[in-house]
């Protein structure tokens, strides 16, 4: 079998495997491994290894896309309002003055 025929048959069987896999809810390897081994004469180890590499590639791509889509927003997306020096200083004075004095049970203003 010439190289162009091998590539053409492999491509067409891959399309068929994708359609069958989508219709039945199975992976394309269910169709591709028998086609590669029985009809194209590829050794079972090479067929399984090739599909394993494709599975690894697809899994890594899906994990990458999932991380991009579901990642928490960047730190600059929601800026945290920081108190100025004066707000902190007067806030500390206000807190300190409300706690100083007698130990009365009346609430601080």
N, C-alpha and C. Protein backbone atom coordinates (compact mmCIF):
# COMPACT_ATOMS: atom_id res chain seq x y z
N UNK A 1 0.85 -1.17 0.00
CA UNK A 1 0.00 0.00 0.00
C UNK A 1 0.90 1.24 0.00
N UNK A 2 0.62 2.15 -0.90
CA UNK A 2 1.45 3.35 -1.00
C UNK A 2 1.14 4.30 0.16
N UNK A 3 2.01 5.27 0.34
CA UNK A 3 1.88 6.20 1.45
C UNK A 3 0.64 7.07 1.34
N UNK A 4 0.32 7.52 0.11
CA UNK A 4 -0.84 8.40 -0.04
C UNK A 4 -2.14 7.65 0.22
N UNK A 5 -2.19 6.39 -0.17
CA UNK A 5 -3.39 5.58 0.07
C UNK A 5 -3.53 5.32 1.58
N UNK A 6 -2.42 5.05 2.24
CA UNK A 6 -2.45 4.81 3.69
C UNK A 6 -2.97 6.05 4.41
N UNK A 7 -2.46 7.22 4.04
CA UNK A 7 -2.89 8.47 4.68
C UNK A 7 -4.36 8.74 4.39
N UNK A 8 -4.78 8.50 3.15
CA UNK A 8 -6.17 8.75 2.79
C UNK A 8 -7.12 7.82 3.53
N UNK A 9 -6.77 6.53 3.61
CA UNK A 9 -7.62 5.56 4.33
C UNK A 9 -7.63 5.89 5.82
N UNK A 10 -6.50 6.27 6.37
CA UNK A 10 -6.44 6.64 7.78
C UNK A 10 -7.29 7.88 8.06
N UNK A 11 -7.23 8.86 7.17
CA UNK A 11 -8.02 10.07 7.36
C UNK A 11 -9.51 9.76 7.29
N UNK A 12 -9.92 9.00 6.29
CA UNK A 12 -11.34 8.68 6.15
C UNK A 12 -11.85 7.83 7.31
N UNK A 13 -11.02 6.90 7.76
CA UNK A 13 -11.44 6.09 8.91
C UNK A 13 -11.48 6.93 10.19
N UNK A 14 -10.64 7.94 10.28
CA UNK A 14 -10.69 8.84 11.44
C UNK A 14 -11.97 9.66 11.45
N UNK A 15 -12.39 10.11 10.28
CA UNK A 15 -13.65 10.84 10.18
C UNK A 15 -14.81 9.91 10.56
N UNK A 16 -14.77 8.69 10.05
CA UNK A 16 -15.81 7.71 10.40
C UNK A 16 -15.78 7.40 11.89
N UNK A 17 -14.59 7.27 12.45
CA UNK A 17 -14.48 7.01 13.89
C UNK A 17 -15.04 8.16 14.71
N UNK A 18 -14.82 9.38 14.26
CA UNK A 18 -15.37 10.53 14.97
C UNK A 18 -16.88 10.56 14.92
N UNK A 19 -17.44 10.24 13.76
CA UNK A 19 -18.90 10.23 13.64
C UNK A 19 -19.51 9.12 14.48
N UNK A 20 -18.95 7.92 14.38
CA UNK A 20 -19.47 6.78 15.15
C UNK A 20 -19.29 7.03 16.65
N UNK A 21 -18.13 7.57 17.02
CA UNK A 21 -17.89 7.87 18.43
C UNK A 21 -18.86 8.90 18.97
N UNK A 22 -19.17 9.91 18.14
CA UNK A 22 -20.12 10.94 18.59
C UNK A 22 -21.53 10.39 18.69
N UNK A 23 -21.91 9.53 17.77
CA UNK A 23 -23.27 8.98 17.80
C UNK A 23 -23.47 7.98 18.93
N UNK A 24 -22.45 7.19 19.21
CA UNK A 24 -22.59 6.14 20.22
C UNK A 24 -22.07 6.55 21.60
N UNK A 25 -21.41 7.68 21.68
CA UNK A 25 -20.86 8.11 22.96
C UNK A 25 -19.60 7.35 23.33
N UNK A 26 -18.93 6.81 22.34
CA UNK A 26 -17.68 6.08 22.57
C UNK A 26 -16.52 6.89 22.03
N UNK A 27 -15.33 6.52 22.46
CA UNK A 27 -14.15 7.17 21.91
C UNK A 27 -13.87 6.66 20.50
N UNK A 28 -13.13 7.45 19.74
CA UNK A 28 -12.78 7.05 18.38
C UNK A 28 -11.85 5.86 18.33
N UNK A 29 -11.17 5.57 19.43
CA UNK A 29 -10.25 4.44 19.46
C UNK A 29 -10.95 3.10 19.29
N UNK A 30 -12.23 3.05 19.64
CA UNK A 30 -13.00 1.81 19.48
C UNK A 30 -13.08 1.44 18.01
N UNK A 31 -13.11 2.44 17.15
CA UNK A 31 -13.17 2.19 15.71
C UNK A 31 -11.77 2.20 15.11
N UNK A 32 -10.91 3.10 15.57
CA UNK A 32 -9.61 3.28 14.93
C UNK A 32 -8.65 2.13 15.15
N UNK A 33 -8.62 1.56 16.33
CA UNK A 33 -7.67 0.47 16.57
C UNK A 33 -7.97 -0.74 15.68
N UNK A 34 -9.21 -1.20 15.55
CA UNK A 34 -9.45 -2.29 14.61
C UNK A 34 -9.14 -1.93 13.16
N UNK A 35 -9.44 -0.70 12.76
CA UNK A 35 -9.14 -0.29 11.38
C UNK A 35 -7.64 -0.29 11.16
N UNK A 36 -6.89 0.27 12.09
CA UNK A 36 -5.44 0.32 11.92
C UNK A 36 -4.81 -1.06 11.94
N UNK A 37 -5.27 -1.92 12.83
CA UNK A 37 -4.64 -3.23 12.96
C UNK A 37 -5.12 -4.23 11.91
N UNK A 38 -6.43 -4.31 11.67
CA UNK A 38 -6.96 -5.33 10.76
C UNK A 38 -6.85 -4.94 9.30
N UNK A 39 -7.16 -3.70 8.97
CA UNK A 39 -7.21 -3.32 7.57
C UNK A 39 -5.92 -2.68 7.06
N UNK A 40 -5.21 -1.98 7.91
CA UNK A 40 -4.00 -1.29 7.46
C UNK A 40 -2.72 -1.98 7.89
N UNK A 41 -2.80 -3.00 8.70
CA UNK A 41 -1.62 -3.80 9.07
C UNK A 41 -0.69 -3.15 10.08
N UNK A 42 -1.17 -2.18 10.81
CA UNK A 42 -0.35 -1.54 11.84
C UNK A 42 -0.34 -2.45 13.05
N UNK A 43 0.85 -2.59 13.66
CA UNK A 43 0.96 -3.43 14.86
C UNK A 43 0.11 -2.83 15.98
N UNK A 44 -0.47 -3.67 16.81
CA UNK A 44 -1.39 -3.24 17.87
C UNK A 44 -0.71 -2.29 18.85
N UNK A 45 0.59 -2.50 19.11
CA UNK A 45 1.29 -1.62 20.04
C UNK A 45 1.38 -0.20 19.48
N UNK A 46 1.67 -0.08 18.19
CA UNK A 46 1.76 1.24 17.58
C UNK A 46 0.40 1.92 17.51
N UNK A 47 -0.63 1.15 17.21
CA UNK A 47 -1.98 1.72 17.15
C UNK A 47 -2.41 2.22 18.53
N UNK A 48 -2.19 1.42 19.55
CA UNK A 48 -2.58 1.81 20.91
C UNK A 48 -1.74 2.99 21.40
N UNK A 49 -0.45 2.97 21.08
CA UNK A 49 0.42 4.06 21.52
C UNK A 49 0.04 5.37 20.83
N UNK A 50 -0.27 5.31 19.56
CA UNK A 50 -0.69 6.51 18.84
C UNK A 50 -1.96 7.10 19.40
N UNK A 51 -2.91 6.25 19.72
CA UNK A 51 -4.16 6.74 20.31
C UNK A 51 -3.95 7.25 21.73
N UNK A 52 -3.01 6.64 22.45
CA UNK A 52 -2.69 7.13 23.79
C UNK A 52 -2.08 8.53 23.72
N UNK A 53 -1.22 8.76 22.73
CA UNK A 53 -0.65 10.10 22.56
C UNK A 53 -1.72 11.12 22.21
N UNK A 54 -2.66 10.73 21.37
CA UNK A 54 -3.75 11.64 21.03
C UNK A 54 -4.63 11.92 22.25
N UNK A 55 -4.88 10.90 23.05
CA UNK A 55 -5.65 11.08 24.28
C UNK A 55 -4.94 12.03 25.23
N UNK A 56 -3.64 11.88 25.35
CA UNK A 56 -2.85 12.75 26.22
C UNK A 56 -2.90 14.19 25.72
N UNK A 57 -2.77 14.37 24.42
CA UNK A 57 -2.83 15.72 23.85
C UNK A 57 -4.19 16.36 24.10
N UNK A 58 -5.25 15.61 23.87
CA UNK A 58 -6.60 16.15 24.08
C UNK A 58 -6.86 16.46 25.55
N UNK A 59 -6.37 15.61 26.44
CA UNK A 59 -6.57 15.83 27.87
C UNK A 59 -5.82 17.08 28.35
N UNK A 60 -4.60 17.26 27.88
CA UNK A 60 -3.84 18.44 28.27
C UNK A 60 -4.48 19.71 27.71
N UNK A 61 -4.97 19.64 26.49
CA UNK A 61 -5.63 20.82 25.91
C UNK A 61 -6.91 21.14 26.67
N UNK A 62 -7.68 20.13 27.05
CA UNK A 62 -8.91 20.36 27.81
C UNK A 62 -8.61 20.94 29.19
N UNK A 63 -7.56 20.44 29.83
CA UNK A 63 -7.19 20.97 31.14
C UNK A 63 -6.73 22.42 31.03
N UNK A 64 -6.01 22.74 29.97
CA UNK A 64 -5.54 24.11 29.77
C UNK A 64 -6.72 25.05 29.54
N UNK A 65 -7.64 24.67 28.68
CA UNK A 65 -8.81 25.51 28.41
C UNK A 65 -9.67 25.64 29.66
N UNK A 66 -9.83 24.56 30.41
CA UNK A 66 -10.62 24.62 31.64
C UNK A 66 -9.99 25.55 32.65
N UNK A 67 -8.67 25.53 32.73
CA UNK A 67 -7.99 26.41 33.68
C UNK A 67 -8.16 27.87 33.25
N UNK A 68 -8.13 28.13 31.96
CA UNK A 68 -8.30 29.50 31.48
C UNK A 68 -9.72 29.98 31.76
N UNK A 69 -10.71 29.14 31.47
CA UNK A 69 -12.10 29.55 31.61
C UNK A 69 -12.57 29.65 33.06
N UNK A 70 -12.03 28.80 33.93
CA UNK A 70 -12.52 28.74 35.30
C UNK A 70 -11.51 29.26 36.32
N UNK A 71 -10.50 29.97 35.85
CA UNK A 71 -9.50 30.50 36.77
C UNK A 71 -10.09 31.69 37.52
N UNK A 72 -9.65 31.92 38.74
CA UNK A 72 -10.14 33.11 39.45
C UNK A 72 -9.66 34.36 38.72
N UNK A 73 -10.36 35.46 38.86
CA UNK A 73 -9.98 36.66 38.14
C UNK A 73 -8.61 37.16 38.57
N UNK A 74 -7.99 37.91 37.71
CA UNK A 74 -6.67 38.45 38.01
C UNK A 74 -6.75 39.41 39.20
N UNK A 75 -5.62 39.62 39.82
CA UNK A 75 -5.59 40.45 41.02
C UNK A 75 -6.01 41.88 40.73
N UNK A 76 -5.73 42.37 39.54
CA UNK A 76 -6.07 43.76 39.22
C UNK A 76 -7.52 43.91 38.76
N UNK A 77 -8.24 42.83 38.61
CA UNK A 77 -9.62 42.92 38.14
C UNK A 77 -10.53 43.54 39.20
N UNK A 78 -10.31 43.21 40.44
CA UNK A 78 -11.09 43.75 41.53
C UNK A 78 -10.14 44.42 42.51
N UNK A 79 -9.84 45.70 42.30
CA UNK A 79 -8.87 46.34 43.18
C UNK A 79 -9.41 46.48 44.60
N UNK A 80 -8.56 46.24 45.53
CA UNK A 80 -8.92 46.35 46.95
C UNK A 80 -8.73 47.81 47.35
N UNK A 81 -9.74 48.37 47.99
CA UNK A 81 -9.63 49.74 48.44
C UNK A 81 -8.75 49.78 49.68
N UNK A 82 -7.68 50.50 49.56
CA UNK A 82 -6.77 50.62 50.69
C UNK A 82 -7.00 51.96 51.38
N UNK A 83 -6.90 51.93 52.69
CA UNK A 83 -7.07 53.17 53.44
C UNK A 83 -5.83 54.03 53.29
N UNK A 84 -6.04 55.31 53.26
CA UNK A 84 -4.91 56.22 53.21
C UNK A 84 -4.26 56.28 54.60
N UNK A 85 -3.14 56.94 54.66
CA UNK A 85 -2.45 57.09 55.94
C UNK A 85 -3.35 57.81 56.95
N UNK A 86 -4.03 58.87 56.50
CA UNK A 86 -4.85 59.65 57.41
C UNK A 86 -6.07 58.87 57.87
N UNK A 87 -6.66 58.10 57.01
CA UNK A 87 -7.80 57.28 57.42
C UNK A 87 -7.38 56.25 58.46
N UNK A 88 -6.21 55.67 58.28
CA UNK A 88 -5.75 54.71 59.27
C UNK A 88 -5.41 55.40 60.59
N UNK A 89 -4.76 56.55 60.49
CA UNK A 89 -4.35 57.24 61.72
C UNK A 89 -5.57 57.70 62.50
N UNK A 90 -6.50 58.37 61.85
CA UNK A 90 -7.68 58.84 62.57
C UNK A 90 -8.60 57.70 62.97
N UNK A 91 -8.62 56.65 62.21
CA UNK A 91 -9.39 55.47 62.60
C UNK A 91 -8.84 54.86 63.87
N UNK A 92 -7.51 54.81 63.98
CA UNK A 92 -6.89 54.26 65.19
C UNK A 92 -7.15 55.18 66.38
N UNK A 93 -7.09 56.49 66.15
CA UNK A 93 -7.37 57.43 67.25
C UNK A 93 -8.83 57.30 67.67
N UNK A 94 -9.73 57.18 66.71
CA UNK A 94 -11.14 57.05 67.01
C UNK A 94 -11.40 55.75 67.79
N UNK A 95 -10.78 54.67 67.37
CA UNK A 95 -10.97 53.41 68.09
C UNK A 95 -10.39 53.48 69.49
N UNK A 96 -9.24 54.10 69.62
CA UNK A 96 -8.60 54.19 70.92
C UNK A 96 -9.42 55.07 71.85
N UNK A 97 -9.96 56.17 71.33
CA UNK A 97 -10.73 57.07 72.20
C UNK A 97 -12.06 56.44 72.60
N UNK A 98 -12.61 55.58 71.79
CA UNK A 98 -13.88 54.96 72.15
C UNK A 98 -13.68 53.89 73.23
N UNK A 99 -12.49 53.33 73.34
CA UNK A 99 -12.24 52.31 74.35
C UNK A 99 -11.62 52.86 75.63
N UNK A 100 -11.21 54.11 75.61
CA UNK A 100 -10.56 54.66 76.81
C UNK A 100 -11.63 55.24 77.74
N UNK A 101 -11.22 55.52 78.93
CA UNK A 101 -12.14 56.12 79.89
C UNK A 101 -12.65 55.09 80.85
N UNK A 102 -13.83 55.40 81.39
CA UNK A 102 -14.38 54.52 82.41
C UNK A 102 -14.94 53.25 81.77
N UNK A 103 -15.17 52.29 82.59
CA UNK A 103 -15.69 51.01 82.13
C UNK A 103 -17.21 51.01 82.23
N UNK A 104 -17.82 51.99 81.67
CA UNK A 104 -19.27 52.05 81.72
C UNK A 104 -19.87 51.11 80.69
N UNK A 105 -21.10 50.76 80.90
CA UNK A 105 -21.74 49.82 79.98
C UNK A 105 -22.45 50.52 78.82
N UNK A 106 -22.32 51.85 78.78
CA UNK A 106 -22.97 52.56 77.68
C UNK A 106 -22.14 52.38 76.41
N UNK A 107 -22.80 52.25 75.28
CA UNK A 107 -22.05 52.05 74.03
C UNK A 107 -21.30 53.31 73.63
N UNK A 108 -20.24 53.11 72.92
CA UNK A 108 -19.43 54.23 72.45
C UNK A 108 -20.11 54.88 71.26
N UNK A 109 -19.92 56.18 71.11
CA UNK A 109 -20.56 56.87 69.99
C UNK A 109 -19.96 56.48 68.66
